[in-house]
Structures are given as C-alpha cells and as structure tokens.
Amino acid sequence: MASVDLVRKVALGLPRTSEHLIHDRVKFRVGRIVYLALSRDEATLGFAFPREERAALVATEPERFFLPRASDLRYHWVCAHLGLLGDDELRDLVVDAWRMVVPKRVFAQWQQGA
C-alpha cells in the first residue's frame, strides 16, 4: 500500500522538485508547475496525467482513479485513492507526472543516472 512517505521520498528524489504547503495541502512542483498534490487528509493524490488518456484510466479502474473537481478539469490532472495504489505503481505515477513538467533533457539525464 502506497503512503505519503513514499510519495515524498520518490518526488524529492527527482531533479528540480520542491515541496510546498499551499492552503494546508502538500504539493510538489518543478519551478511554478505543480505535478503532485495530496488532499488535506492525505488520503488522495492528484497528479499530472495526459488529458487525452485520463478518461480511459478512470473508466478502467474507477474504484482507484477519479477525475478532479470540475474547476480543475482544464488541467492535465487525475486523482487516485492513495491507499489503493501499490508502491511500484505509485513510483511510476510520480515519475510520469514529473516527466510531464521537466525539460526532456532533464528527464534523459535522470534516466541515464537511474
């Protein structure tokens, strides 16, 4: 079962990532772009995800993944119930979300070192 500690460990291990407390919510960003956000109760995780693929993800596993509130649908964003994610799956989601917001060369350099 995935945890907030694992989210933090994976995210902060990625280049250019910083952690911020914004409106009582922990968020991870690269520069000014947020790519991960925990709910106030830390039960759900919002993460950057390709907009054109999110409906399929939610339809495939609606018990684990869901769309953000209507006002946030304009963003490339999906949410998940943190406790229903496996550790490896969480790592993949965090890295993929980070990959969406960093320059390609930063990802390539990180991938070579990983």
PDB file of N, CA and C in Angstrom:
ATOM      1  N   MET A   1       0.847  -1.185   0.000  1.00  0.00           N
ATOM      2  CA  MET A   1       0.000   0.000   0.000  1.00  0.00           C
ATOM      3  C   MET A   1       0.890   1.246   0.000  1.00  0.00           C
ATOM      4  N   ALA A   2       0.598   2.149  -0.882  1.00  0.00           N
ATOM      5  CA  ALA A   2       1.371   3.389  -1.019  1.00  0.00           C
ATOM      6  C   ALA A   2       1.126   4.299   0.186  1.00  0.00           C
ATOM      7  N   SER A   3       2.095   5.163   0.443  1.00  0.00           N
ATOM      8  CA  SER A   3       1.991   6.061   1.595  1.00  0.00           C
ATOM      9  C   SER A   3       2.479   7.463   1.230  1.00  0.00           C
ATOM     10  N   VAL A   4       2.154   8.408   2.082  1.00  0.00           N
ATOM     11  CA  VAL A   4       2.628   9.780   1.911  1.00  0.00           C
ATOM     12  C   VAL A   4       4.151   9.819   1.986  1.00  0.00           C
ATOM     13  N   ASP A   5       4.715   9.013   2.871  1.00  0.00           N
ATOM     14  CA  ASP A   5       6.178   8.975   2.981  1.00  0.00           C
ATOM     15  C   ASP A   5       6.830   8.529   1.678  1.00  0.00           C
ATOM     16  N   LEU A   6       6.218   7.555   1.004  1.00  0.00           N
ATOM     17  CA  LEU A   6       6.764   7.097  -0.269  1.00  0.00           C
ATOM     18  C   LEU A   6       6.602   8.167  -1.347  1.00  0.00           C
ATOM     19  N   VAL A   7       5.466   8.846  -1.361  1.00  0.00           N
ATOM     20  CA  VAL A   7       5.271   9.953  -2.308  1.00  0.00           C
ATOM     21  C   VAL A   7       6.398  10.964  -2.129  1.00  0.00           C
ATOM     22  N   ARG A   8       6.636  11.358  -0.899  1.00  0.00           N
ATOM     23  CA  ARG A   8       7.664  12.354  -0.589  1.00  0.00           C
ATOM     24  C   ARG A   8       9.052  11.848  -0.991  1.00  0.00           C
ATOM     25  N   LYS A   9       9.368  10.612  -0.654  1.00  0.00           N
ATOM     26  CA  LYS A   9      10.682  10.049  -0.969  1.00  0.00           C
ATOM     27  C   LYS A   9      10.929  10.032  -2.475  1.00  0.00           C
ATOM     28  N   VAL A  10       9.957   9.558  -3.228  1.00  0.00           N
ATOM     29  CA  VAL A  10      10.129   9.472  -4.685  1.00  0.00           C
ATOM     30  C   VAL A  10      10.201  10.868  -5.286  1.00  0.00           C
ATOM     31  N   ALA A  11       9.260  11.726  -4.932  1.00  0.00           N
ATOM     32  CA  ALA A  11       9.207  13.068  -5.526  1.00  0.00           C
ATOM     33  C   ALA A  11      10.464  13.875  -5.222  1.00  0.00           C
ATOM     34  N   LEU A  12      10.899  13.870  -3.977  1.00  0.00           N
ATOM     35  CA  LEU A  12      12.063  14.675  -3.619  1.00  0.00           C
ATOM     36  C   LEU A  12      13.368  14.096  -4.155  1.00  0.00           C
ATOM     37  N   GLY A  13      13.327  12.870  -4.633  1.00  0.00           N
ATOM     38  CA  GLY A  13      14.482  12.270  -5.276  1.00  0.00           C
ATOM     39  C   GLY A  13      14.611  12.633  -6.743  1.00  0.00           C
ATOM     40  N   LEU A  14      13.641  13.361  -7.253  1.00  0.00           N
ATOM     41  CA  LEU A  14      13.645  13.760  -8.666  1.00  0.00           C
ATOM     42  C   LEU A  14      14.211  15.173  -8.815  1.00  0.00           C
ATOM     43  N   PRO A  15      15.064  15.388  -9.805  1.00  0.00           N
ATOM     44  CA  PRO A  15      15.676  16.704 -10.003  1.00  0.00           C
ATOM     45  C   PRO A  15      14.640  17.823 -10.128  1.00  0.00           C
ATOM     46  N   ARG A  16      15.002  18.958  -9.550  1.00  0.00           N
ATOM     47  CA  ARG A  16      14.232  20.205  -9.611  1.00  0.00           C
ATOM     48  C   ARG A  16      12.926  20.193  -8.817  1.00  0.00           C
ATOM     49  N   THR A  17      12.629  19.135  -8.111  1.00  0.00           N
ATOM     50  CA  THR A  17      11.386  19.054  -7.341  1.00  0.00           C
ATOM     51  C   THR A  17      11.551  19.764  -6.004  1.00  0.00           C
ATOM     52  N   SER A  18      10.503  20.487  -5.621  1.00  0.00           N
ATOM     53  CA  SER A  18      10.455  21.091  -4.293  1.00  0.00           C
ATOM     54  C   SER A  18       9.082  20.831  -3.691  1.00  0.00           C
ATOM     55  N   GLU A  19       9.045  20.761  -2.377  1.00  0.00           N
ATOM     56  CA  GLU A  19       7.804  20.508  -1.654  1.00  0.00           C
ATOM     57  C   GLU A  19       7.305  21.814  -1.056  1.00  0.00           C
ATOM     58  N   HIS A  20       5.991  22.018  -1.119  1.00  0.00           N
ATOM     59  CA  HIS A  20       5.389  23.252  -0.598  1.00  0.00           C
ATOM     60  C   HIS A  20       4.093  22.929   0.119  1.00  0.00           C
ATOM     61  N   LEU A  21       3.781  23.718   1.118  1.00  0.00           N
ATOM     62  CA  LEU A  21       2.497  23.643   1.800  1.00  0.00           C
ATOM     63  C   LEU A  21       1.676  24.827   1.315  1.00  0.00           C
ATOM     64  N   ILE A  22       0.635  24.536   0.550  1.00  0.00           N
ATOM     65  CA  ILE A  22      -0.196  25.576  -0.053  1.00  0.00           C
ATOM     66  C   ILE A  22      -1.639  25.313   0.358  1.00  0.00           C
ATOM     67  N   HIS A  23      -2.239  26.262   1.058  1.00  0.00           N
ATOM     68  CA  HIS A  23      -3.618  26.116   1.556  1.00  0.00           C
ATOM     69  C   HIS A  23      -3.786  24.798   2.306  1.00  0.00           C
ATOM     70  N   ASP A  24      -2.866  24.513   3.207  1.00  0.00           N
ATOM     71  CA  ASP A  24      -2.894  23.309   4.043  1.00  0.00           C
ATOM     72  C   ASP A  24      -2.800  22.008   3.250  1.00  0.00           C
ATOM     73  N   ARG A  25      -2.263  22.070   2.043  1.00  0.00           N
ATOM     74  CA  ARG A  25      -2.086  20.869   1.224  1.00  0.00           C
ATOM     75  C   ARG A  25      -0.627  20.764   0.799  1.00  0.00           C
ATOM     76  N   VAL A  26      -0.080  19.576   0.901  1.00  0.00           N
ATOM     77  CA  VAL A  26       1.288  19.336   0.451  1.00  0.00           C
ATOM     78  C   VAL A  26       1.269  19.188  -1.067  1.00  0.00           C
ATOM     79  N   LYS A  27       2.137  19.970  -1.711  1.00  0.00           N
ATOM     80  CA  LYS A  27       2.237  19.923  -3.171  1.00  0.00           C
ATOM     81  C   LYS A  27       3.701  19.828  -3.561  1.00  0.00           C
ATOM     82  N   PHE A  28       3.935  19.149  -4.654  1.00  0.00           N
ATOM     83  CA  PHE A  28       5.279  19.015  -5.199  1.00  0.00           C
ATOM     84  C   PHE A  28       5.289  19.676  -6.554  1.00  0.00           C
ATOM     85  N   ARG A  29       6.332  20.466  -6.794  1.00  0.00           N
ATOM     86  CA  ARG A  29       6.373  21.182  -8.054  1.00  0.00           C
ATOM     87  C   ARG A  29       7.790  21.287  -8.586  1.00  0.00           C
ATOM     88  N   VAL A  30       7.837  21.603  -9.857  1.00  0.00           N
ATOM     89  CA  VAL A  30       9.077  21.927 -10.555  1.00  0.00           C
ATOM     90  C   VAL A  30       8.892  23.371 -10.996  1.00  0.00           C
ATOM     91  N   GLY A  31       9.714  24.249 -10.468  1.00  0.00           N
ATOM     92  CA  GLY A  31       9.502  25.670 -10.733  1.00  0.00           C
ATOM     93  C   GLY A  31       8.161  26.077 -10.156  1.00  0.00           C
ATOM     94  N   ARG A  32       7.297  26.598 -11.002  1.00  0.00           N
ATOM     95  CA  ARG A  32       5.965  27.019 -10.549  1.00  0.00           C
ATOM     96  C   ARG A  32       4.879  26.015 -10.907  1.00  0.00           C
ATOM     97  N   ILE A  33       5.268  24.918 -11.550  1.00  0.00           N
ATOM     98  CA  ILE A  33       4.287  23.937 -12.026  1.00  0.00           C
ATOM     99  C   ILE A  33       4.120  22.807 -11.009  1.00  0.00           C
ATOM    100  N   VAL A  34       2.906  22.672 -10.510  1.00  0.00           N
ATOM    101  CA  VAL A  34       2.578  21.602  -9.572  1.00  0.00           C
ATOM    102  C   VAL A  34       2.325  20.326 -10.363  1.00  0.00           C
ATOM    103  N   TYR A  35       2.962  19.238  -9.941  1.00  0.00           N
ATOM    104  CA  TYR A  35       2.708  17.963 -10.614  1.00  0.00           C
ATOM    105  C   TYR A  35       2.171  16.883  -9.673  1.00  0.00           C
ATOM    106  N   LEU A  36       2.178  17.129  -8.374  1.00  0.00           N
ATOM    107  CA  LEU A  36       1.576  16.235  -7.386  1.00  0.00           C
ATOM    108  C   LEU A  36       0.946  17.074  -6.291  1.00  0.00           C
ATOM    109  N   ALA A  37      -0.195  16.626  -5.796  1.00  0.00           N
ATOM    110  CA  ALA A  37      -0.832  17.313  -4.672  1.00  0.00           C
ATOM    111  C   ALA A  37      -1.571  16.292  -3.820  1.00  0.00           C
ATOM    112  N   LEU A  38      -1.342  16.349  -2.534  1.00  0.00           N
ATOM    113  CA  LEU A  38      -2.057  15.486  -1.598  1.00  0.00           C
ATOM    114  C   LEU A  38      -3.280  16.225  -1.068  1.00  0.00           C
ATOM    115  N   SER A  39      -4.346  15.478  -0.811  1.00  0.00           N
ATOM    116  CA  SER A  39      -5.526  16.086  -0.201  1.00  0.00           C
ATOM    117  C   SER A  39      -5.179  16.480   1.239  1.00  0.00           C
ATOM    118  N   ARG A  40      -6.008  17.298   1.837  1.00  0.00           N
ATOM    119  CA  ARG A  40      -5.740  17.741   3.211  1.00  0.00           C
ATOM    120  C   ARG A  40      -5.632  16.567   4.186  1.00  0.00           C
ATOM    121  N   ASP A  41      -6.459  15.544   3.958  1.00  0.00           N
ATOM    122  CA  ASP A  41      -6.405  14.368   4.841  1.00  0.00           C
ATOM    123  C   ASP A  41      -5.376  13.339   4.374  1.00  0.00           C
ATOM    124  N   GLU A  42      -4.672  13.642   3.301  1.00  0.00           N
ATOM    125  CA  GLU A  42      -3.612  12.811   2.724  1.00  0.00           C
ATOM    126  C   GLU A  42      -4.106  11.444   2.279  1.00  0.00           C
ATOM    127  N   ALA A  43      -5.401  11.334   1.984  1.00  0.00           N
ATOM    128  CA  ALA A  43      -5.973  10.069   1.518  1.00  0.00           C
ATOM    129  C   ALA A  43      -5.963   9.958  -0.002  1.00  0.00           C
ATOM    130  N   THR A  44      -5.928  11.103  -0.684  1.00  0.00           N
ATOM    131  CA  THR A  44      -5.919  11.072  -2.140  1.00  0.00           C
ATOM    132  C   THR A  44      -4.738  11.866  -2.681  1.00  0.00           C
ATOM    133  N   LEU A  45      -4.340  11.485  -3.874  1.00  0.00           N
ATOM    134  CA  LEU A  45      -3.222  12.111  -4.558  1.00  0.00           C
ATOM    135  C   LEU A  45      -3.681  12.574  -5.925  1.00  0.00           C
ATOM    136  N   GLY A  46      -3.476  13.849  -6.210  1.00  0.00           N
ATOM    137  CA  GLY A  46      -3.697  14.370  -7.551  1.00  0.00           C
ATOM    138  C   GLY A  46      -2.353  14.405  -8.251  1.00  0.00           C
ATOM    139  N   PHE A  47      -2.345  14.085  -9.539  1.00  0.00           N
ATOM    140  CA  PHE A  47      -1.077  14.045 -10.255  1.00  0.00           C
ATOM    141  C   PHE A  47      -1.254  14.416 -11.717  1.00  0.00           C
ATOM    142  N   ALA A  48      -0.195  14.980 -12.289  1.00  0.00           N
ATOM    143  CA  ALA A  48      -0.209  15.334 -13.705  1.00  0.00           C
ATOM    144  C   ALA A  48      -0.374  14.058 -14.519  1.00  0.00           C
ATOM    145  N   PHE A  49      -1.225  14.146 -15.541  1.00  0.00           N
ATOM    146  CA  PHE A  49      -1.530  12.987 -16.374  1.00  0.00           C
ATOM    147  C   PHE A  49      -2.039  13.501 -17.710  1.00  0.00           C
ATOM    148  N   PRO A  50      -1.689  12.844 -18.802  1.00  0.00           N
ATOM    149  CA  PRO A  50      -2.143  13.330 -20.107  1.00  0.00           C
ATOM    150  C   PRO A  50      -3.672  13.428 -20.181  1.00  0.00           C
ATOM    151  N   ARG A  51      -4.148  14.593 -20.528  1.00  0.00           N
ATOM    152  CA  ARG A  51      -5.589  14.857 -20.566  1.00  0.00           C
ATOM    153  C   ARG A  51      -6.322  13.874 -21.477  1.00  0.00           C
ATOM    154  N   GLU A  52      -5.709  13.558 -22.620  1.00  0.00           N
ATOM    155  CA  GLU A  52      -6.377  12.687 -23.594  1.00  0.00           C
ATOM    156  C   GLU A  52      -6.450  11.224 -23.131  1.00  0.00           C
ATOM    157  N   GLU A  53      -5.731  10.868 -22.084  1.00  0.00           N
ATOM    158  CA  GLU A  53      -5.727   9.489 -21.586  1.00  0.00           C
ATOM    159  C   GLU A  53      -6.468   9.313 -20.265  1.00  0.00           C
ATOM    160  N   ARG A  54      -6.853  10.405 -19.629  1.00  0.00           N
ATOM    161  CA  ARG A  54      -7.393  10.279 -18.276  1.00  0.00           C
ATOM    162  C   ARG A  54      -8.764   9.613 -18.220  1.00  0.00           C
ATOM    163  N   ALA A  55      -9.618   9.837 -19.202  1.00  0.00           N
ATOM    164  CA  ALA A  55     -10.942   9.197 -19.190  1.00  0.00           C
ATOM    165  C   ALA A  55     -10.796   7.683 -19.237  1.00  0.00           C
ATOM    166  N   ALA A  56      -9.859   7.194 -20.024  1.00  0.00           N
ATOM    167  CA  ALA A  56      -9.636   5.752 -20.125  1.00  0.00           C
ATOM    168  C   ALA A  56      -9.126   5.194 -18.796  1.00  0.00           C
ATOM    169  N   LEU A  57      -8.215   5.908 -18.141  1.00  0.00           N
ATOM    170  CA  LEU A  57      -7.690   5.458 -16.848  1.00  0.00           C
ATOM    171  C   LEU A  57      -8.815   5.360 -15.822  1.00  0.00           C
ATOM    172  N   VAL A  58      -9.628   6.388 -15.737  1.00  0.00           N
ATOM    173  CA  VAL A  58     -10.721   6.414 -14.766  1.00  0.00           C
ATOM    174  C   VAL A  58     -11.755   5.337 -15.085  1.00  0.00           C
ATOM    175  N   ALA A  59     -12.070   5.154 -16.367  1.00  0.00           N
ATOM    176  CA  ALA A  59     -13.055   4.144 -16.756  1.00  0.00           C
ATOM    177  C   ALA A  59     -12.564   2.730 -16.469  1.00  0.00           C
ATOM    178  N   THR A  60     -11.268   2.521 -16.597  1.00  0.00           N
ATOM    179  CA  THR A  60     -10.694   1.201 -16.371  1.00  0.00           C
ATOM    180  C   THR A  60     -10.713   0.804 -14.902  1.00  0.00           C
ATOM    181  N   GLU A  61     -10.421   1.750 -14.014  1.00  0.00           N
ATOM    182  CA  GLU A  61     -10.355   1.448 -12.584  1.00  0.00           C
ATOM    183  C   GLU A  61     -10.998   2.562 -11.763  1.00  0.00           C
ATOM    184  N   PRO A  62     -12.314   2.732 -11.863  1.00  0.00           N
ATOM    185  CA  PRO A  62     -12.979   3.846 -11.167  1.00  0.00           C
ATOM    186  C   PRO A  62     -12.937   3.759  -9.646  1.00  0.00           C
ATOM    187  N   GLU A  63     -12.657   2.588  -9.104  1.00  0.00           N
ATOM    188  CA  GLU A  63     -12.566   2.475  -7.644  1.00  0.00           C
ATOM    189  C   GLU A  63     -11.255   3.064  -7.132  1.00  0.00           C
ATOM    190  N   ARG A  64     -10.252   3.191  -8.007  1.00  0.00           N
ATOM    191  CA  ARG A  64      -8.952   3.720  -7.599  1.00  0.00           C
ATOM    192  C   ARG A  64      -8.666   5.109  -8.147  1.00  0.00           C
ATOM    193  N   PHE A  65      -9.134   5.405  -9.349  1.00  0.00           N
ATOM    194  CA  PHE A  65      -8.831   6.677 -10.003  1.00  0.00           C
ATOM    195  C   PHE A  65     -10.110   7.458 -10.252  1.00  0.00           C
ATOM    196  N   PHE A  66     -10.002   8.793 -10.175  1.00  0.00           N
ATOM    197  CA  PHE A  66     -11.168   9.639 -10.424  1.00  0.00           C
ATOM    198  C   PHE A  66     -10.711  10.986 -10.969  1.00  0.00           C
ATOM    199  N   LEU A  67     -11.640  11.657 -11.622  1.00  0.00           N
ATOM    200  CA  LEU A  67     -11.346  12.974 -12.186  1.00  0.00           C
ATOM    201  C   LEU A  67     -11.337  14.023 -11.074  1.00  0.00           C
ATOM    202  N   PRO A  68     -10.576  15.084 -11.270  1.00  0.00           N
ATOM    203  CA  PRO A  68     -10.587  16.170 -10.282  1.00  0.00           C
ATOM    204  C   PRO A  68     -11.925  16.909 -10.333  1.00  0.00           C
ATOM    205  N   ARG A  69     -12.100  17.831  -9.411  1.00  0.00           N
ATOM    206  CA  ARG A  69     -13.342  18.619  -9.418  1.00  0.00           C
ATOM    207  C   ARG A  69     -13.470  19.365 -10.750  1.00  0.00           C
ATOM    208  N   ALA A  70     -14.679  19.751 -11.056  1.00  0.00           N
ATOM    209  CA  ALA A  70     -14.984  20.340 -12.365  1.00  0.00           C
ATOM    210  C   ALA A  70     -14.099  21.552 -12.684  1.00  0.00           C
ATOM    211  N   SER A  71     -13.802  22.370 -11.698  1.00  0.00           N
ATOM    212  CA  SER A  71     -12.994  23.571 -11.957  1.00  0.00           C
ATOM    213  C   SER A  71     -11.551  23.240 -12.330  1.00  0.00           C
ATOM    214  N   ASP A  72     -11.102  22.015 -12.052  1.00  0.00           N
ATOM    215  CA  ASP A  72      -9.729  21.609 -12.367  1.00  0.00           C
ATOM    216  C   ASP A  72      -9.632  20.724 -13.610  1.00  0.00           C
ATOM    217  N   LEU A  73     -10.740  20.492 -14.293  1.00  0.00           N
ATOM    218  CA  LEU A  73     -10.706  19.640 -15.474  1.00  0.00           C
ATOM    219  C   LEU A  73      -9.903  20.244 -16.618  1.00  0.00           C
ATOM    220  N   ARG A  74      -9.665  21.531 -16.574  1.00  0.00           N
ATOM    221  CA  ARG A  74      -8.886  22.163 -17.640  1.00  0.00           C
ATOM    222  C   ARG A  74      -7.399  21.784 -17.563  1.00  0.00           C
ATOM    223  N   TYR A  75      -6.982  21.260 -16.424  1.00  0.00           N
ATOM    224  CA  TYR A  75      -5.590  20.871 -16.247  1.00  0.00           C
ATOM    225  C   TYR A  75      -5.380  19.416 -16.670  1.00  0.00           C
ATOM    226  N   HIS A  76      -4.146  19.064 -16.910  1.00  0.00           N
ATOM    227  CA  HIS A  76      -3.759  17.678 -17.175  1.00  0.00           C
ATOM    228  C   HIS A  76      -3.617  17.010 -15.811  1.00  0.00           C
ATOM    229  N   TRP A  77      -4.726  16.460 -15.295  1.00  0.00           N
ATOM    230  CA  TRP A  77      -4.744  16.058 -13.897  1.00  0.00           C
ATOM    231  C   TRP A  77      -5.694  14.896 -13.679  1.00  0.00           C
ATOM    232  N   VAL A  78      -5.328  13.953 -12.831  1.00  0.00           N
ATOM    233  CA  VAL A  78      -6.160  12.835 -12.400  1.00  0.00           C
ATOM    234  C   VAL A  78      -5.907  12.662 -10.904  1.00  0.00           C
ATOM    235  N   CYS A  79      -6.842  12.048 -10.210  1.00  0.00           N
ATOM    236  CA  CYS A  79      -6.687  11.793  -8.783  1.00  0.00           C
ATOM    237  C   CYS A  79      -6.790  10.296  -8.514  1.00  0.00           C
ATOM    238  N   ALA A  80      -6.186   9.872  -7.407  1.00  0.00           N
ATOM    239  CA  ALA A  80      -6.220   8.463  -7.016  1.00  0.00           C
ATOM    240  C   ALA A  80      -6.365   8.354  -5.511  1.00  0.00           C
ATOM    241  N   HIS A  81      -6.979   7.261  -5.087  1.00  0.00           N
ATOM    242  CA  HIS A  81      -7.042   6.934  -3.663  1.00  0.00           C
ATOM    243  C   HIS A  81      -5.693   6.326  -3.301  1.00  0.00           C
ATOM    244  N   LEU A  82      -4.919   7.024  -2.512  1.00  0.00           N
ATOM    245  CA  LEU A  82      -3.539   6.645  -2.214  1.00  0.00           C
ATOM    246  C   LEU A  82      -3.432   5.234  -1.631  1.00  0.00           C
ATOM    247  N   GLY A  83      -4.317   4.885  -0.742  1.00  0.00           N
ATOM    248  CA  GLY A  83      -4.266   3.581  -0.087  1.00  0.00           C
ATOM    249  C   GLY A  83      -4.542   2.406  -1.001  1.00  0.00           C
ATOM    250  N   LEU A  84      -5.037   2.670  -2.196  1.00  0.00           N
ATOM    251  CA  LEU A  84      -5.345   1.585  -3.136  1.00  0.00           C
ATOM    252  C   LEU A  84      -4.264   1.396  -4.199  1.00  0.00           C
ATOM    253  N   LEU A  85      -3.183   2.160  -4.083  1.00  0.00           N
ATOM    254  CA  LEU A  85      -2.080   2.046  -5.040  1.00  0.00           C
ATOM    255  C   LEU A  85      -0.964   1.203  -4.442  1.00  0.00           C
ATOM    256  N   GLY A  86      -0.340   0.409  -5.281  1.00  0.00           N
ATOM    257  CA  GLY A  86       0.841  -0.331  -4.858  1.00  0.00           C
ATOM    258  C   GLY A  86       2.057   0.577  -4.900  1.00  0.00           C
ATOM    259  N   ASP A  87       3.110   0.197  -4.211  1.00  0.00           N
ATOM    260  CA  ASP A  87       4.317   1.020  -4.151  1.00  0.00           C
ATOM    261  C   ASP A  87       4.939   1.230  -5.534  1.00  0.00           C
ATOM    262  N   ASP A  88       5.073   0.174  -6.312  1.00  0.00           N
ATOM    263  CA  ASP A  88       5.673   0.302  -7.643  1.00  0.00           C
ATOM    264  C   ASP A  88       4.806   1.168  -8.556  1.00  0.00           C
ATOM    265  N   GLU A  89       3.505   0.983  -8.462  1.00  0.00           N
ATOM    266  CA  GLU A  89       2.585   1.787  -9.268  1.00  0.00           C
ATOM    267  C   GLU A  89       2.691   3.266  -8.886  1.00  0.00           C
ATOM    268  N   LEU A  90       2.779   3.537  -7.592  1.00  0.00           N
ATOM    269  CA  LEU A  90       2.917   4.917  -7.133  1.00  0.00           C
ATOM    270  C   LEU A  90       4.198   5.533  -7.678  1.00  0.00           C
ATOM    271  N   ARG A  91       5.311   4.805  -7.590  1.00  0.00           N
ATOM    272  CA  ARG A  91       6.579   5.310  -8.135  1.00  0.00           C
ATOM    273  C   ARG A  91       6.430   5.675  -9.606  1.00  0.00           C
ATOM    274  N   ASP A  92       5.799   4.798 -10.370  1.00  0.00           N
ATOM    275  CA  ASP A  92       5.610   5.056 -11.804  1.00  0.00           C
ATOM    276  C   ASP A  92       4.757   6.294 -12.040  1.00  0.00           C
ATOM    277  N   LEU A  93       3.672   6.452 -11.273  1.00  0.00           N
ATOM    278  CA  LEU A  93       2.793   7.616 -11.438  1.00  0.00           C
ATOM    279  C   LEU A  93       3.527   8.911 -11.100  1.00  0.00           C
ATOM    280  N   VAL A  94       4.309   8.895 -10.038  1.00  0.00           N
ATOM    281  CA  VAL A  94       5.061  10.097  -9.629  1.00  0.00           C
ATOM    282  C   VAL A  94       6.088  10.464 -10.695  1.00  0.00           C
ATOM    283  N   VAL A  95       6.847   9.486 -11.157  1.00  0.00           N
ATOM    284  CA  VAL A  95       7.867   9.762 -12.177  1.00  0.00           C
ATOM    285  C   VAL A  95       7.221  10.228 -13.472  1.00  0.00           C
ATOM    286  N   ASP A  96       6.134   9.595 -13.878  1.00  0.00           N
ATOM    287  CA  ASP A  96       5.459  10.016 -15.113  1.00  0.00           C
ATOM    288  C   ASP A  96       4.897  11.429 -14.996  1.00  0.00           C
ATOM    289  N   ALA A  97       4.358  11.775 -13.821  1.00  0.00           N
ATOM    290  CA  ALA A  97       3.837  13.135 -13.615  1.00  0.00           C
ATOM    291  C   ALA A  97       4.972  14.143 -13.672  1.00  0.00           C
ATOM    292  N   TRP A  98       6.083  13.828 -13.021  1.00  0.00           N
ATOM    293  CA  TRP A  98       7.266  14.705 -13.045  1.00  0.00           C
ATOM    294  C   TRP A  98       7.787  14.868 -14.468  1.00  0.00           C
ATOM    295  N   ARG A  99       7.803  13.771 -15.201  1.00  0.00           N
ATOM    296  CA  ARG A  99       8.307  13.796 -16.583  1.00  0.00           C
ATOM    297  C   ARG A  99       7.511  14.780 -17.452  1.00  0.00           C
ATOM    298  N   MET A 100       6.238  14.955 -17.146  1.00  0.00           N
ATOM    299  CA  MET A 100       5.406  15.871 -17.929  1.00  0.00           C
ATOM    300  C   MET A 100       5.804  17.330 -17.742  1.00  0.00           C
ATOM    301  N   VAL A 101       6.495  17.656 -16.647  1.00  0.00           N
ATOM    302  CA  VAL A 101       6.753  19.068 -16.346  1.00  0.00           C
ATOM    303  C   VAL A 101       8.217  19.480 -16.422  1.00  0.00           C
ATOM    304  N   VAL A 102       9.122  18.530 -16.607  1.00  0.00           N
ATOM    305  CA  VAL A 102      10.537  18.897 -16.726  1.00  0.00           C
ATOM    306  C   VAL A 102      10.961  18.877 -18.184  1.00  0.00           C
ATOM    307  N   PRO A 103      11.999  19.639 -18.515  1.00  0.00           N
ATOM    308  CA  PRO A 103      12.524  19.577 -19.878  1.00  0.00           C
ATOM    309  C   PRO A 103      12.977  18.149 -20.221  1.00  0.00           C
ATOM    310  N   LYS A 104      12.865  17.800 -21.485  1.00  0.00           N
ATOM    311  CA  LYS A 104      13.218  16.450 -21.929  1.00  0.00           C
ATOM    312  C   LYS A 104      14.658  16.086 -21.574  1.00  0.00           C
ATOM    313  N   ARG A 105      15.541  17.060 -21.652  1.00  0.00           N
ATOM    314  CA  ARG A 105      16.951  16.759 -21.352  1.00  0.00           C
ATOM    315  C   ARG A 105      17.143  16.429 -19.875  1.00  0.00           C
ATOM    316  N   VAL A 106      16.369  17.044 -18.981  1.00  0.00           N
ATOM    317  CA  VAL A 106      16.458  16.739 -17.551  1.00  0.00           C
ATOM    318  C   VAL A 106      16.005  15.303 -17.308  1.00  0.00           C
ATOM    319  N   PHE A 107      14.919  14.920 -17.944  1.00  0.00           N
ATOM    320  CA  PHE A 107      14.449  13.542 -17.801  1.00  0.00           C
ATOM    321  C   PHE A 107      15.479  12.568 -18.355  1.00  0.00           C
ATOM    322  N   ALA A 108      16.043  12.874 -19.517  1.00  0.00           N
ATOM    323  CA  ALA A 108      17.039  11.992 -20.140  1.00  0.00           C
ATOM    324  C   ALA A 108      18.267  11.832 -19.246  1.00  0.00           C
ATOM    325  N   GLN A 109      18.732  12.928 -18.650  1.00  0.00           N
ATOM    326  CA  GLN A 109      19.879  12.864 -17.742  1.00  0.00           C
ATOM    327  C   GLN A 109      19.548  12.030 -16.510  1.00  0.00           C
ATOM    328  N   TRP A 110      18.371  12.225 -15.956  1.00  0.00           N
ATOM    329  CA  TRP A 110      17.955  11.452 -14.783  1.00  0.00           C
ATOM    330  C   TRP A 110      17.858   9.971 -15.133  1.00  0.00           C
ATOM    331  N   GLN A 111      17.280   9.673 -16.289  1.00  0.00           N
ATOM    332  CA  GLN A 111      17.089   8.288 -16.715  1.00  0.00           C
ATOM    333  C   GLN A 111      18.443   7.584 -16.886  1.00  0.00           C
ATOM    334  N   GLN A 112      19.427   8.296 -17.384  1.00  0.00           N
ATOM    335  CA  GLN A 112      20.754   7.705 -17.560  1.00  0.00           C
ATOM    336  C   GLN A 112      21.403   7.388 -16.218  1.00  0.00           C
ATOM    337  N   GLY A 113      21.105   8.213 -15.222  1.00  0.00           N
ATOM    338  CA  GLY A 113      21.693   8.010 -13.903  1.00  0.00           C
ATOM    339  C   GLY A 113      20.922   7.052 -13.028  1.00  0.00           C
ATOM    340  N   ALA A 114      19.677   6.758 -13.409  1.00  0.00           N
ATOM    341  CA  ALA A 114      18.820   5.893 -12.574  1.00  0.00           C
ATOM    342  C   ALA A 114      19.143   4.423 -12.735  1.00  0.00           C
TER     343      ALA A 114
END
